[in-house]
Amino acid sequence: MPVLTSLEPVRVVEGGRLWLRGDGFPQPESTADLVTIGGLPARVVFASPDRLAVIVPTGLDGGEMPVKVAWVPSATLYARVGALVATGLHQVDNPVFGADGALYVTYSGSRGQEASVSIFRIPANGGAREPFVHGLVNPTSMVMGPDGRLYVSSRFEGRVYRVFEDGHYEVMASGLGVACGLAFDAEGALYVGDRDGTIFRIHPSGRTETFATVPSSVAAFHLAMSPDGSLYVSAPTLASYDSVRRISANGAVETLATPFGRPQGLAFDAHGTLHVVEALAGASGVFAVRPGAPPELIASGAGLVGVAFGPGGQLAVASNESIYSFPADAASDLTSAPDLASGFSRTSRE
């Protein structure tokens, strides 16, 4: 008799791939309406005796959704479906949460494009997005600074801008090449990734220096600062898989063993766990990376590029066009900070 035992990952957004684990699944003669999520049919893309893979349908409201398999009518498992909070965007890196829980998202546009609205603000209460910044060409990466202000790079202009509470902005630094990823350290220095391979460090005094050099990227650099002061960098190339790099406070570059397919946005949660967005076509997702263990797929979606954690532990994931959110009780599973300096394990993933 077929048995349904578990789901992977627990968090999904529309277009994401959801794996159903079990035993004794027969070979389906037809997959029509075989699996439903929230009452909607989910397209089956893989079937074997112990697992099924389905694509999460559109039209779900978000929240805890029942997953049913026609073979096992008495069994119900639940998937956490991300709520669509904004679409019609153009993200190339992470969205960013403010201290008040508001979420900042971009319309980056094609090279040299000046969109009517460059950055939107989504209130913490989940209201409609609000125009926040106008006239900034190709807003690329964002980070909240130690002064509580938003900082944003322009890959077209090679600049970083400081954005004030009313949405107007000023040049913070320039001459930064194809400026992509941004991250601050505990001393207030800002790190900027030039897609051509240079990581710049901008001191609080304004002095800019080359901090490290890494291979160039065909897309964009993504940066994240760990709690121990190490800078993490992802930069997809033409290879099928690329490794994330860790740069020590003195600029020494280490290539981590675990590969990812087109790694994109990086973020640390409140417990100090690194999360990496993998943008493989048809199987993109967010992985939690813990030393000594294979990366754990914690969320899946279509064409994901970014991830962010809010001040209350809420989770946001971004595709190029849309932003989805999960509440804090669905985003905070860890209870202690890992020792990232101990390294990572190489693993293969489905």
C-alpha atoms as a PDB file:
ATOM      1  CA  MET A   1       0.000   0.000   0.000  1.00  0.00           C
ATOM      2  CA  PRO A   2       1.415   3.459  -0.857  1.00  0.00           C
ATOM      3  CA  VAL A   3       2.704   5.513   2.075  1.00  0.00           C
ATOM      4  CA  LEU A   4       3.332   9.290   2.118  1.00  0.00           C
ATOM      5  CA  THR A   5       5.970  10.276   4.684  1.00  0.00           C
ATOM      6  CA  SER A   6       7.478  13.738   4.112  1.00  0.00           C
ATOM      7  CA  LEU A   7       7.889  16.850   1.957  1.00  0.00           C
ATOM      8  CA  GLU A   8      11.042  18.653   0.841  1.00  0.00           C
ATOM      9  CA  PRO A   9      11.443  21.533   1.160  1.00  0.00           C
ATOM     10  CA  VAL A  10       8.781  22.645   3.604  1.00  0.00           C
ATOM     11  CA  ARG A  11       8.733  26.186   2.139  1.00  0.00           C
ATOM     12  CA  VAL A  12       7.801  26.739  -1.494  1.00  0.00           C
ATOM     13  CA  VAL A  13       6.592  29.501  -3.786  1.00  0.00           C
ATOM     14  CA  GLU A  14       4.685  29.258  -7.022  1.00  0.00           C
ATOM     15  CA  GLY A  15       6.696  27.568  -9.742  1.00  0.00           C
ATOM     16  CA  GLY A  16       8.947  25.866  -7.205  1.00  0.00           C
ATOM     17  CA  ARG A  17       9.654  22.147  -7.136  1.00  0.00           C
ATOM     18  CA  LEU A  18       8.242  20.179  -4.196  1.00  0.00           C
ATOM     19  CA  TRP A  19       9.439  16.628  -3.473  1.00  0.00           C
ATOM     20  CA  LEU A  20       7.048  14.135  -1.875  1.00  0.00           C
ATOM     21  CA  ARG A  21       8.739  11.210  -0.148  1.00  0.00           C
ATOM     22  CA  GLY A  22       7.130   7.895   0.603  1.00  0.00           C
ATOM     23  CA  ASP A  23       7.084   4.253  -0.349  1.00  0.00           C
ATOM     24  CA  GLY A  24       5.160   1.960  -2.634  1.00  0.00           C
ATOM     25  CA  PHE A  25       4.130   4.589  -5.164  1.00  0.00           C
ATOM     26  CA  PRO A  26       2.786   2.839  -8.303  1.00  0.00           C
ATOM     27  CA  GLN A  27       3.782   3.918 -11.772  1.00  0.00           C
ATOM     28  CA  PRO A  28       1.091   6.481 -12.681  1.00  0.00           C
ATOM     29  CA  GLU A  29      -0.944   5.861 -15.804  1.00  0.00           C
ATOM     30  CA  SER A  30      -1.963   9.515 -15.649  1.00  0.00           C
ATOM     31  CA  THR A  31      -0.672  12.334 -13.466  1.00  0.00           C
ATOM     32  CA  ALA A  32      -3.738  14.557 -13.909  1.00  0.00           C
ATOM     33  CA  ASP A  33      -4.948  15.595 -10.442  1.00  0.00           C
ATOM     34  CA  LEU A  34      -2.644  13.026  -8.844  1.00  0.00           C
ATOM     35  CA  VAL A  35      -1.218  15.627  -6.448  1.00  0.00           C
ATOM     36  CA  THR A  36      -2.958  18.749  -5.165  1.00  0.00           C
ATOM     37  CA  ILE A  37      -1.633  21.635  -3.084  1.00  0.00           C
ATOM     38  CA  GLY A  38      -4.251  23.742  -1.374  1.00  0.00           C
ATOM     39  CA  GLY A  39      -6.845  21.984  -3.526  1.00  0.00           C
ATOM     40  CA  LEU A  40      -5.144  22.976  -6.802  1.00  0.00           C
ATOM     41  CA  PRO A  41      -3.568  20.366  -9.094  1.00  0.00           C
ATOM     42  CA  ALA A  42       0.232  20.310  -9.094  1.00  0.00           C
ATOM     43  CA  ARG A  43       2.014  19.141 -12.250  1.00  0.00           C
ATOM     44  CA  VAL A  44       4.075  15.982 -11.696  1.00  0.00           C
ATOM     45  CA  VAL A  45       7.554  16.238 -13.237  1.00  0.00           C
ATOM     46  CA  PHE A  46       9.173  13.136 -11.717  1.00  0.00           C
ATOM     47  CA  ALA A  47       7.802   9.837 -10.379  1.00  0.00           C
ATOM     48  CA  SER A  48       9.443   6.788  -8.807  1.00  0.00           C
ATOM     49  CA  PRO A  49       8.363   4.216  -6.194  1.00  0.00           C
ATOM     50  CA  ASP A  50       9.646   6.331  -3.286  1.00  0.00           C
ATOM     51  CA  ARG A  51       9.267   9.955  -4.414  1.00  0.00           C
ATOM     52  CA  LEU A  52       7.384  12.380  -6.589  1.00  0.00           C
ATOM     53  CA  ALA A  53       8.350  15.858  -7.733  1.00  0.00           C
ATOM     54  CA  VAL A  54       5.655  18.411  -8.505  1.00  0.00           C
ATOM     55  CA  ILE A  55       5.581  22.065  -9.521  1.00  0.00           C
ATOM     56  CA  VAL A  56       3.762  24.370  -7.113  1.00  0.00           C
ATOM     57  CA  PRO A  57       0.769  25.876  -8.946  1.00  0.00           C
ATOM     58  CA  THR A  58      -0.032  29.562  -9.189  1.00  0.00           C
ATOM     59  CA  GLY A  59      -3.110  30.985  -7.494  1.00  0.00           C
ATOM     60  CA  LEU A  60      -2.320  29.908  -3.926  1.00  0.00           C
ATOM     61  CA  ASP A  61      -2.821  32.596  -1.278  1.00  0.00           C
ATOM     62  CA  GLY A  62       0.127  31.609   0.876  1.00  0.00           C
ATOM     63  CA  GLY A  63       0.310  30.002   4.295  1.00  0.00           C
ATOM     64  CA  GLU A  64      -0.006  26.384   5.408  1.00  0.00           C
ATOM     65  CA  MET A  65      -1.428  24.446   2.467  1.00  0.00           C
ATOM     66  CA  PRO A  66      -2.522  20.781   2.493  1.00  0.00           C
ATOM     67  CA  VAL A  67      -0.713  18.451   0.103  1.00  0.00           C
ATOM     68  CA  LYS A  68      -2.690  15.404  -1.003  1.00  0.00           C
ATOM     69  CA  VAL A  69      -1.832  12.396  -3.181  1.00  0.00           C
ATOM     70  CA  ALA A  70      -4.698  10.490  -4.775  1.00  0.00           C
ATOM     71  CA  TRP A  71      -3.003   7.164  -4.015  1.00  0.00           C
ATOM     72  CA  VAL A  72      -3.034   7.940  -0.268  1.00  0.00           C
ATOM     73  CA  PRO A  73      -6.365   9.723   0.358  1.00  0.00           C
ATOM     74  CA  SER A  74      -6.127   9.397   4.151  1.00  0.00           C
ATOM     75  CA  ALA A  75      -2.737  11.169   4.384  1.00  0.00           C
ATOM     76  CA  THR A  76      -2.302  14.938   4.414  1.00  0.00           C
ATOM     77  CA  LEU A  77       0.980  16.805   4.735  1.00  0.00           C
ATOM     78  CA  TYR A  78       1.339  20.579   4.813  1.00  0.00           C
ATOM     79  CA  ALA A  79       3.632  22.857   2.811  1.00  0.00           C
ATOM     80  CA  ARG A  80       4.356  26.447   3.740  1.00  0.00           C
ATOM     81  CA  VAL A  81       3.575  28.481   0.639  1.00  0.00           C
ATOM     82  CA  GLY A  82       5.139  31.934   0.412  1.00  0.00           C
ATOM     83  CA  ALA A  83       2.748  34.844   0.050  1.00  0.00           C
ATOM     84  CA  LEU A  84       3.202  36.987  -3.058  1.00  0.00           C
ATOM     85  CA  VAL A  85       3.814  40.520  -1.748  1.00  0.00           C
ATOM     86  CA  ALA A  86       4.899  42.321  -4.942  1.00  0.00           C
ATOM     87  CA  THR A  87       5.454  41.614  -8.616  1.00  0.00           C
ATOM     88  CA  GLY A  88       6.363  43.572 -11.752  1.00  0.00           C
ATOM     89  CA  LEU A  89       9.843  44.214 -10.336  1.00  0.00           C
ATOM     90  CA  HIS A  90      13.370  43.608 -11.561  1.00  0.00           C
ATOM     91  CA  GLN A  91      15.602  42.191  -8.836  1.00  0.00           C
ATOM     92  CA  VAL A  92      19.185  41.186  -9.497  1.00  0.00           C
ATOM     93  CA  ASP A  93      20.184  40.705  -5.851  1.00  0.00           C
ATOM     94  CA  ASN A  94      18.600  40.475  -2.413  1.00  0.00           C
ATOM     95  CA  PRO A  95      15.698  42.586  -1.231  1.00  0.00           C
ATOM     96  CA  VAL A  96      16.481  44.376   2.039  1.00  0.00           C
ATOM     97  CA  PHE A  97      14.561  44.728   5.291  1.00  0.00           C
ATOM     98  CA  GLY A  98      14.638  47.947   7.290  1.00  0.00           C
ATOM     99  CA  ALA A  99      14.745  47.994  11.084  1.00  0.00           C
ATOM    100  CA  ASP A 100      10.984  48.604  11.139  1.00  0.00           C
ATOM    101  CA  GLY A 101      10.304  45.499   9.038  1.00  0.00           C
ATOM    102  CA  ALA A 102       9.639  47.383   5.790  1.00  0.00           C
ATOM    103  CA  LEU A 103      11.043  45.644   2.721  1.00  0.00           C
ATOM    104  CA  TYR A 104      12.938  47.466  -0.047  1.00  0.00           C
ATOM    105  CA  VAL A 105      12.888  46.066  -3.599  1.00  0.00           C
ATOM    106  CA  THR A 106      14.192  47.285  -6.958  1.00  0.00           C
ATOM    107  CA  TYR A 107      13.284  47.817 -10.538  1.00  0.00           C
ATOM    108  CA  SER A 108      16.811  47.536 -11.918  1.00  0.00           C
ATOM    109  CA  GLY A 109      16.005  47.489 -15.618  1.00  0.00           C
ATOM    110  CA  SER A 110      18.175  46.847 -18.643  1.00  0.00           C
ATOM    111  CA  ARG A 111      21.609  48.436 -18.897  1.00  0.00           C
ATOM    112  CA  GLY A 112      21.374  52.224 -18.810  1.00  0.00           C
ATOM    113  CA  GLN A 113      17.604  52.218 -18.209  1.00  0.00           C
ATOM    114  CA  GLU A 114      16.231  54.875 -15.867  1.00  0.00           C
ATOM    115  CA  ALA A 115      12.929  53.473 -14.653  1.00  0.00           C
ATOM    116  CA  SER A 116      10.197  55.780 -13.374  1.00  0.00           C
ATOM    117  CA  VAL A 117      10.606  54.157  -9.935  1.00  0.00           C
ATOM    118  CA  SER A 118      13.995  52.708  -9.027  1.00  0.00           C
ATOM    119  CA  ILE A 119      13.248  51.375  -5.535  1.00  0.00           C
ATOM    120  CA  PHE A 120       9.934  50.502  -3.900  1.00  0.00           C
ATOM    121  CA  ARG A 121       9.127  50.199  -0.214  1.00  0.00           C
ATOM    122  CA  ILE A 122       6.730  47.512   1.029  1.00  0.00           C
ATOM    123  CA  PRO A 123       5.348  48.367   4.501  1.00  0.00           C
ATOM    124  CA  ALA A 124       5.832  45.897   7.332  1.00  0.00           C
ATOM    125  CA  ASN A 125       2.061  45.458   7.591  1.00  0.00           C
ATOM    126  CA  GLY A 126       2.027  43.911   4.119  1.00  0.00           C
ATOM    127  CA  GLY A 127       0.394  46.835   2.364  1.00  0.00           C
ATOM    128  CA  ALA A 128       0.867  47.736  -1.266  1.00  0.00           C
ATOM    129  CA  ARG A 129       4.323  48.696  -2.444  1.00  0.00           C
ATOM    130  CA  GLU A 130       5.118  52.416  -2.338  1.00  0.00           C
ATOM    131  CA  PRO A 131       7.424  54.328  -4.714  1.00  0.00           C
ATOM    132  CA  PHE A 132      10.503  55.291  -2.698  1.00  0.00           C
ATOM    133  CA  VAL A 133      13.415  56.266  -4.982  1.00  0.00           C
ATOM    134  CA  HIS A 134      13.149  57.806  -8.465  1.00  0.00           C
ATOM    135  CA  GLY A 135      15.738  58.384 -11.178  1.00  0.00           C
ATOM    136  CA  LEU A 136      18.493  56.051 -10.058  1.00  0.00           C
ATOM    137  CA  VAL A 137      19.927  54.156 -13.040  1.00  0.00           C
ATOM    138  CA  ASN A 138      20.178  50.364 -12.665  1.00  0.00           C
ATOM    139  CA  PRO A 139      19.855  49.983  -8.880  1.00  0.00           C
ATOM    140  CA  THR A 140      21.615  46.691  -8.309  1.00  0.00           C
ATOM    141  CA  SER A 141      22.459  45.674  -4.748  1.00  0.00           C
ATOM    142  CA  MET A 142      21.223  47.152  -1.474  1.00  0.00           C
ATOM    143  CA  VAL A 143      22.245  47.036   2.180  1.00  0.00           C
ATOM    144  CA  MET A 144      21.165  48.825   5.348  1.00  0.00           C
ATOM    145  CA  GLY A 145      24.020  50.831   6.820  1.00  0.00           C
ATOM    146  CA  PRO A 146      25.011  51.258  10.464  1.00  0.00           C
ATOM    147  CA  ASP A 147      23.410  54.715  10.274  1.00  0.00           C
ATOM    148  CA  GLY A 148      20.046  53.095   9.508  1.00  0.00           C
ATOM    149  CA  ARG A 149      20.024  54.375   5.924  1.00  0.00           C
ATOM    150  CA  LEU A 150      19.713  52.369   2.745  1.00  0.00           C
ATOM    151  CA  TYR A 151      22.755  52.072   0.476  1.00  0.00           C
ATOM    152  CA  VAL A 152      22.390  51.005  -3.148  1.00  0.00           C
ATOM    153  CA  SER A 153      24.835  50.355  -5.985  1.00  0.00           C
ATOM    154  CA  SER A 154      24.432  51.223  -9.655  1.00  0.00           C
ATOM    155  CA  ARG A 155      26.168  48.737 -11.917  1.00  0.00           C
ATOM    156  CA  PHE A 156      25.834  51.176 -14.831  1.00  0.00           C
ATOM    157  CA  GLU A 157      27.399  54.176 -13.109  1.00  0.00           C
ATOM    158  CA  GLY A 158      29.877  52.333 -10.877  1.00  0.00           C
ATOM    159  CA  ARG A 159      28.579  54.223  -7.863  1.00  0.00           C
ATOM    160  CA  VAL A 160      27.111  53.623  -4.428  1.00  0.00           C
ATOM    161  CA  TYR A 161      24.360  55.946  -3.235  1.00  0.00           C
ATOM    162  CA  ARG A 162      23.205  56.782   0.279  1.00  0.00           C
ATOM    163  CA  VAL A 163      19.413  57.048   0.446  1.00  0.00           C
ATOM    164  CA  PHE A 164      17.649  59.244   2.995  1.00  0.00           C
ATOM    165  CA  GLU A 165      14.311  58.717   4.727  1.00  0.00           C
ATOM    166  CA  ASP A 166      12.386  60.769   2.163  1.00  0.00           C
ATOM    167  CA  GLY A 167      13.850  58.851  -0.800  1.00  0.00           C
ATOM    168  CA  HIS A 168      16.334  61.428  -2.043  1.00  0.00           C
ATOM    169  CA  TYR A 169      19.935  60.250  -2.347  1.00  0.00           C
ATOM    170  CA  GLU A 170      23.546  61.336  -2.640  1.00  0.00           C
ATOM    171  CA  VAL A 171      26.718  59.763  -4.063  1.00  0.00           C
ATOM    172  CA  MET A 172      28.615  57.919  -1.359  1.00  0.00           C
ATOM    173  CA  ALA A 173      31.381  56.518  -3.608  1.00  0.00           C
ATOM    174  CA  SER A 174      32.175  56.294  -7.318  1.00  0.00           C
ATOM    175  CA  GLY A 175      34.680  54.732  -9.728  1.00  0.00           C
ATOM    176  CA  LEU A 176      33.745  51.200  -8.598  1.00  0.00           C
ATOM    177  CA  GLY A 177      33.554  49.451 -11.965  1.00  0.00           C
ATOM    178  CA  VAL A 178      30.431  47.322 -12.472  1.00  0.00           C
ATOM    179  CA  ALA A 179      29.306  47.830  -8.879  1.00  0.00           C
ATOM    180  CA  CYS A 180      27.222  44.922  -7.594  1.00  0.00           C
ATOM    181  CA  GLY A 181      27.146  43.325  -4.140  1.00  0.00           C
ATOM    182  CA  LEU A 182      27.287  45.394  -0.939  1.00  0.00           C
ATOM    183  CA  ALA A 183      28.056  44.536   2.699  1.00  0.00           C
ATOM    184  CA  PHE A 184      29.077  46.463   5.827  1.00  0.00           C
ATOM    185  CA  ASP A 185      31.444  45.200   8.508  1.00  0.00           C
ATOM    186  CA  ALA A 186      31.208  45.859  12.250  1.00  0.00           C
ATOM    187  CA  GLU A 187      33.514  48.905  11.974  1.00  0.00           C
ATOM    188  CA  GLY A 188      31.289  50.591   9.392  1.00  0.00           C
ATOM    189  CA  ALA A 189      33.431  49.896   6.318  1.00  0.00           C
ATOM    190  CA  LEU A 190      31.447  49.168   3.153  1.00  0.00           C
ATOM    191  CA  TYR A 191      32.497  46.408   0.752  1.00  0.00           C
ATOM    192  CA  VAL A 192      31.555  46.654  -2.920  1.00  0.00           C
ATOM    193  CA  GLY A 193      31.928  43.947  -5.556  1.00  0.00           C
ATOM    194  CA  ASP A 194      33.048  44.960  -9.049  1.00  0.00           C
ATOM    195  CA  ARG A 195      31.835  42.273 -11.455  1.00  0.00           C
ATOM    196  CA  ASP A 196      35.224  42.327 -13.164  1.00  0.00           C
ATOM    197  CA  GLY A 197      36.797  40.770 -10.038  1.00  0.00           C
ATOM    198  CA  THR A 198      37.721  43.497  -7.542  1.00  0.00           C
ATOM    199  CA  ILE A 199      36.291  43.751  -4.039  1.00  0.00           C
ATOM    200  CA  PHE A 200      36.589  47.347  -2.812  1.00  0.00           C
ATOM    201  CA  ARG A 201      36.587  48.455   0.817  1.00  0.00           C
ATOM    202  CA  ILE A 202      35.332  51.962   1.565  1.00  0.00           C
ATOM    203  CA  HIS A 203      36.368  53.153   5.005  1.00  0.00           C
ATOM    204  CA  PRO A 204      34.063  55.341   7.121  1.00  0.00           C
ATOM    205  CA  SER A 205      36.463  58.209   6.351  1.00  0.00           C
ATOM    206  CA  GLY A 206      35.644  57.803   2.645  1.00  0.00           C
ATOM    207  CA  ARG A 207      38.976  56.280   1.637  1.00  0.00           C
ATOM    208  CA  THR A 208      38.553  53.524  -0.964  1.00  0.00           C
ATOM    209  CA  GLU A 209      41.002  50.661  -1.391  1.00  0.00           C
ATOM    210  CA  THR A 210      41.187  47.296  -3.130  1.00  0.00           C
ATOM    211  CA  PHE A 211      40.390  44.680  -0.483  1.00  0.00           C
ATOM    212  CA  ALA A 212      40.659  41.460  -2.523  1.00  0.00           C
ATOM    213  CA  THR A 213      40.635  40.111  -6.064  1.00  0.00           C
ATOM    214  CA  VAL A 214      38.546  37.150  -7.232  1.00  0.00           C
ATOM    215  CA  PRO A 215      37.602  35.755 -10.664  1.00  0.00           C
ATOM    216  CA  SER A 216      35.160  37.849 -12.671  1.00  0.00           C
ATOM    217  CA  SER A 217      31.484  36.997 -13.088  1.00  0.00           C
ATOM    218  CA  VAL A 218      29.223  36.790 -16.123  1.00  0.00           C
ATOM    219  CA  ALA A 219      26.318  38.157 -14.097  1.00  0.00           C
ATOM    220  CA  ALA A 220      26.801  39.926 -10.760  1.00  0.00           C
ATOM    221  CA  PHE A 221      28.626  39.725  -7.467  1.00  0.00           C
ATOM    222  CA  HIS A 222      26.666  39.042  -4.285  1.00  0.00           C
ATOM    223  CA  LEU A 223      28.165  39.800  -0.852  1.00  0.00           C
ATOM    224  CA  ALA A 224      27.284  38.986   2.743  1.00  0.00           C
ATOM    225  CA  MET A 225      29.183  39.706   5.969  1.00  0.00           C
ATOM    226  CA  SER A 226      29.285  36.907   8.527  1.00  0.00           C
ATOM    227  CA  PRO A 227      29.038  37.500  12.285  1.00  0.00           C
ATOM    228  CA  ASP A 228      32.747  36.650  12.630  1.00  0.00           C
ATOM    229  CA  GLY A 229      33.755  39.366  10.148  1.00  0.00           C
ATOM    230  CA  SER A 230      34.417  37.186   7.109  1.00  0.00           C
ATOM    231  CA  LEU A 231      33.077  38.394   3.777  1.00  0.00           C
ATOM    232  CA  TYR A 232      31.261  35.824   1.618  1.00  0.00           C
ATOM    233  CA  VAL A 233      31.096  36.274  -2.163  1.00  0.00           C
ATOM    234  CA  SER A 234      29.134  34.470  -4.861  1.00  0.00           C
ATOM    235  CA  ALA A 235      29.706  35.159  -8.537  1.00  0.00           C
ATOM    236  CA  PRO A 236      28.249  32.875 -11.220  1.00  0.00           C
ATOM    237  CA  THR A 237      30.488  32.107 -14.193  1.00  0.00           C
ATOM    238  CA  LEU A 238      29.986  30.060 -17.357  1.00  0.00           C
ATOM    239  CA  ALA A 239      30.687  26.858 -15.413  1.00  0.00           C
ATOM    240  CA  SER A 240      27.839  24.552 -14.409  1.00  0.00           C
ATOM    241  CA  TYR A 241      28.723  24.937 -10.736  1.00  0.00           C
ATOM    242  CA  ASP A 242      30.612  27.612  -8.814  1.00  0.00           C
ATOM    243  CA  SER A 243      31.843  27.787  -5.248  1.00  0.00           C
ATOM    244  CA  VAL A 244      31.181  30.550  -2.757  1.00  0.00           C
ATOM    245  CA  ARG A 245      34.319  32.342  -1.570  1.00  0.00           C
ATOM    246  CA  ARG A 246      35.128  33.465   1.938  1.00  0.00           C
ATOM    247  CA  ILE A 247      37.490  36.407   2.436  1.00  0.00           C
ATOM    248  CA  SER A 248      39.089  36.954   5.838  1.00  0.00           C
ATOM    249  CA  ALA A 249      39.388  40.367   7.470  1.00  0.00           C
ATOM    250  CA  ASN A 250      42.939  40.677   6.122  1.00  0.00           C
ATOM    251  CA  GLY A 251      41.861  39.938   2.525  1.00  0.00           C
ATOM    252  CA  ALA A 252      42.864  36.265   2.256  1.00  0.00           C
ATOM    253  CA  VAL A 253      40.562  34.448  -0.191  1.00  0.00           C
ATOM    254  CA  GLU A 254      39.371  30.890   0.450  1.00  0.00           C
ATOM    255  CA  THR A 255      37.275  28.876  -1.984  1.00  0.00           C
ATOM    256  CA  LEU A 256      34.677  26.799  -0.170  1.00  0.00           C
ATOM    257  CA  ALA A 257      34.318  23.162  -1.159  1.00  0.00           C
ATOM    258  CA  THR A 258      30.560  23.015  -1.637  1.00  0.00           C
ATOM    259  CA  PRO A 259      29.523  23.935  -5.195  1.00  0.00           C
ATOM    260  CA  PHE A 260      26.269  25.597  -6.219  1.00  0.00           C
ATOM    261  CA  GLY A 261      24.628  25.934  -9.610  1.00  0.00           C
ATOM    262  CA  ARG A 262      24.690  29.627 -10.511  1.00  0.00           C
ATOM    263  CA  PRO A 263      24.918  30.916  -6.910  1.00  0.00           C
ATOM    264  CA  GLN A 264      23.187  34.255  -6.433  1.00  0.00           C
ATOM    265  CA  GLY A 265      22.104  36.129  -3.299  1.00  0.00           C
ATOM    266  CA  LEU A 266      23.725  35.420   0.068  1.00  0.00           C
ATOM    267  CA  ALA A 267      22.360  36.227   3.528  1.00  0.00           C
ATOM    268  CA  PHE A 268      22.903  35.300   7.156  1.00  0.00           C
ATOM    269  CA  ASP A 269      19.964  34.719   9.461  1.00  0.00           C
ATOM    270  CA  ALA A 270      19.806  35.894  13.084  1.00  0.00           C
ATOM    271  CA  HIS A 271      21.540  32.699  14.227  1.00  0.00           C
ATOM    272  CA  GLY A 272      24.523  33.224  11.932  1.00  0.00           C
ATOM    273  CA  THR A 273      23.638  30.564   9.370  1.00  0.00           C
ATOM    274  CA  LEU A 274      24.643  31.293   5.782  1.00  0.00           C
ATOM    275  CA  HIS A 275      21.922  30.992   3.135  1.00  0.00           C
ATOM    276  CA  VAL A 276      22.759  30.716  -0.564  1.00  0.00           C
ATOM    277  CA  VAL A 277      20.358  31.132  -3.475  1.00  0.00           C
ATOM    278  CA  GLU A 278      20.976  28.618  -6.241  1.00  0.00           C
ATOM    279  CA  ALA A 279      19.495  29.676  -9.583  1.00  0.00           C
ATOM    280  CA  LEU A 280      19.553  26.420 -11.551  1.00  0.00           C
ATOM    281  CA  ALA A 281      16.894  26.446 -14.247  1.00  0.00           C
ATOM    282  CA  GLY A 282      13.872  24.468 -13.095  1.00  0.00           C
ATOM    283  CA  ALA A 283      15.221  23.795  -9.627  1.00  0.00           C
ATOM    284  CA  SER A 284      16.211  27.074  -8.003  1.00  0.00           C
ATOM    285  CA  GLY A 285      16.097  27.313  -4.256  1.00  0.00           C
ATOM    286  CA  VAL A 286      17.527  28.683  -1.031  1.00  0.00           C
ATOM    287  CA  PHE A 287      20.019  26.496   0.844  1.00  0.00           C
ATOM    288  CA  ALA A 288      21.035  26.735   4.495  1.00  0.00           C
ATOM    289  CA  VAL A 289      24.746  25.965   4.785  1.00  0.00           C
ATOM    290  CA  ARG A 290      25.892  24.427   8.062  1.00  0.00           C
ATOM    291  CA  PRO A 291      29.450  23.175   8.639  1.00  0.00           C
ATOM    292  CA  GLY A 292      29.879  19.436   8.428  1.00  0.00           C
ATOM    293  CA  ALA A 293      26.519  18.828   6.786  1.00  0.00           C
ATOM    294  CA  PRO A 294      25.182  18.883   3.223  1.00  0.00           C
ATOM    295  CA  PRO A 295      23.435  22.140   2.270  1.00  0.00           C
ATOM    296  CA  GLU A 296      19.766  21.941   3.242  1.00  0.00           C
ATOM    297  CA  LEU A 297      17.147  23.118   0.783  1.00  0.00           C
ATOM    298  CA  ILE A 298      14.820  25.312   2.866  1.00  0.00           C
ATOM    299  CA  ALA A 299      12.775  26.961   0.099  1.00  0.00           C
ATOM    300  CA  SER A 300      12.207  26.442  -3.608  1.00  0.00           C
ATOM    301  CA  GLY A 301      10.863  28.661  -6.354  1.00  0.00           C
ATOM    302  CA  ALA A 302      11.238  29.554 -10.008  1.00  0.00           C
ATOM    303  CA  GLY A 303      14.165  31.764 -11.009  1.00  0.00           C
ATOM    304  CA  LEU A 304      15.100  32.841  -7.478  1.00  0.00           C
ATOM    305  CA  VAL A 305      17.904  35.406  -7.158  1.00  0.00           C
ATOM    306  CA  GLY A 306      17.679  36.842  -3.634  1.00  0.00           C
ATOM    307  CA  VAL A 307      16.939  36.131   0.025  1.00  0.00           C
ATOM    308  CA  ALA A 308      16.569  38.351   3.096  1.00  0.00           C
ATOM    309  CA  PHE A 309      15.756  37.925   6.785  1.00  0.00           C
ATOM    310  CA  GLY A 310      13.706  40.523   8.632  1.00  0.00           C
ATOM    311  CA  PRO A 311      14.266  41.919  12.132  1.00  0.00           C
ATOM    312  CA  GLY A 312      11.604  39.583  13.515  1.00  0.00           C
ATOM    313  CA  GLY A 313      12.925  36.498  11.717  1.00  0.00           C
ATOM    314  CA  GLN A 314      10.603  36.730   8.713  1.00  0.00           C
ATOM    315  CA  LEU A 315      11.962  35.396   5.432  1.00  0.00           C
ATOM    316  CA  ALA A 316      11.674  36.981   1.975  1.00  0.00           C
ATOM    317  CA  VAL A 317      12.753  35.355  -1.277  1.00  0.00           C
ATOM    318  CA  ALA A 318      12.972  37.113  -4.618  1.00  0.00           C
ATOM    319  CA  SER A 319      12.781  36.044  -8.221  1.00  0.00           C
ATOM    320  CA  ASN A 320      13.691  38.503 -10.954  1.00  0.00           C
ATOM    321  CA  GLU A 321      10.096  39.744 -11.029  1.00  0.00           C
ATOM    322  CA  SER A 322       8.435  38.947  -7.696  1.00  0.00           C
ATOM    323  CA  ILE A 323       8.857  38.930  -3.921  1.00  0.00           C
ATOM    324  CA  TYR A 324       7.419  36.277  -1.609  1.00  0.00           C
ATOM    325  CA  SER A 325       7.339  36.246   2.183  1.00  0.00           C
ATOM    326  CA  PHE A 326       7.162  33.668   4.952  1.00  0.00           C
ATOM    327  CA  PRO A 327       6.280  34.562   8.551  1.00  0.00           C
ATOM    328  CA  ALA A 328       8.872  34.388  11.300  1.00  0.00           C
ATOM    329  CA  ASP A 329       7.591  31.130  12.739  1.00  0.00           C
ATOM    330  CA  ALA A 330       8.253  29.514   9.364  1.00  0.00           C
ATOM    331  CA  ALA A 331      11.689  31.040   8.873  1.00  0.00           C
ATOM    332  CA  SER A 332      13.560  30.520  12.163  1.00  0.00           C
ATOM    333  CA  ASP A 333      14.460  26.860  12.682  1.00  0.00           C
ATOM    334  CA  LEU A 334      17.922  27.187  14.176  1.00  0.00           C
ATOM    335  CA  THR A 335      18.750  27.736  17.816  1.00  0.00           C
ATOM    336  CA  SER A 336      22.488  28.288  17.784  1.00  0.00           C
ATOM    337  CA  ALA A 337      25.100  29.905  15.584  1.00  0.00           C
ATOM    338  CA  PRO A 338      27.354  27.554  13.591  1.00  0.00           C
ATOM    339  CA  ASP A 339      31.118  27.830  13.486  1.00  0.00           C
ATOM    340  CA  LEU A 340      31.513  28.852   9.862  1.00  0.00           C
ATOM    341  CA  ALA A 341      35.283  28.854  10.085  1.00  0.00           C
ATOM    342  CA  SER A 342      35.265  25.054  10.353  1.00  0.00           C
ATOM    343  CA  GLY A 343      34.508  24.689   6.639  1.00  0.00           C
ATOM    344  CA  PHE A 344      31.901  22.957   4.526  1.00  0.00           C
ATOM    345  CA  SER A 345      31.293  19.492   3.137  1.00  0.00           C
ATOM    346  CA  ARG A 346      31.150  18.695  -0.563  1.00  0.00           C
ATOM    347  CA  THR A 347      27.915  17.031  -1.507  1.00  0.00           C
ATOM    348  CA  SER A 348      25.779  16.155  -4.498  1.00  0.00           C
ATOM    349  CA  ARG A 349      22.163  17.304  -4.629  1.00  0.00           C
ATOM    350  CA  GLU A 350      19.097  16.296  -6.564  1.00  0.00           C
END
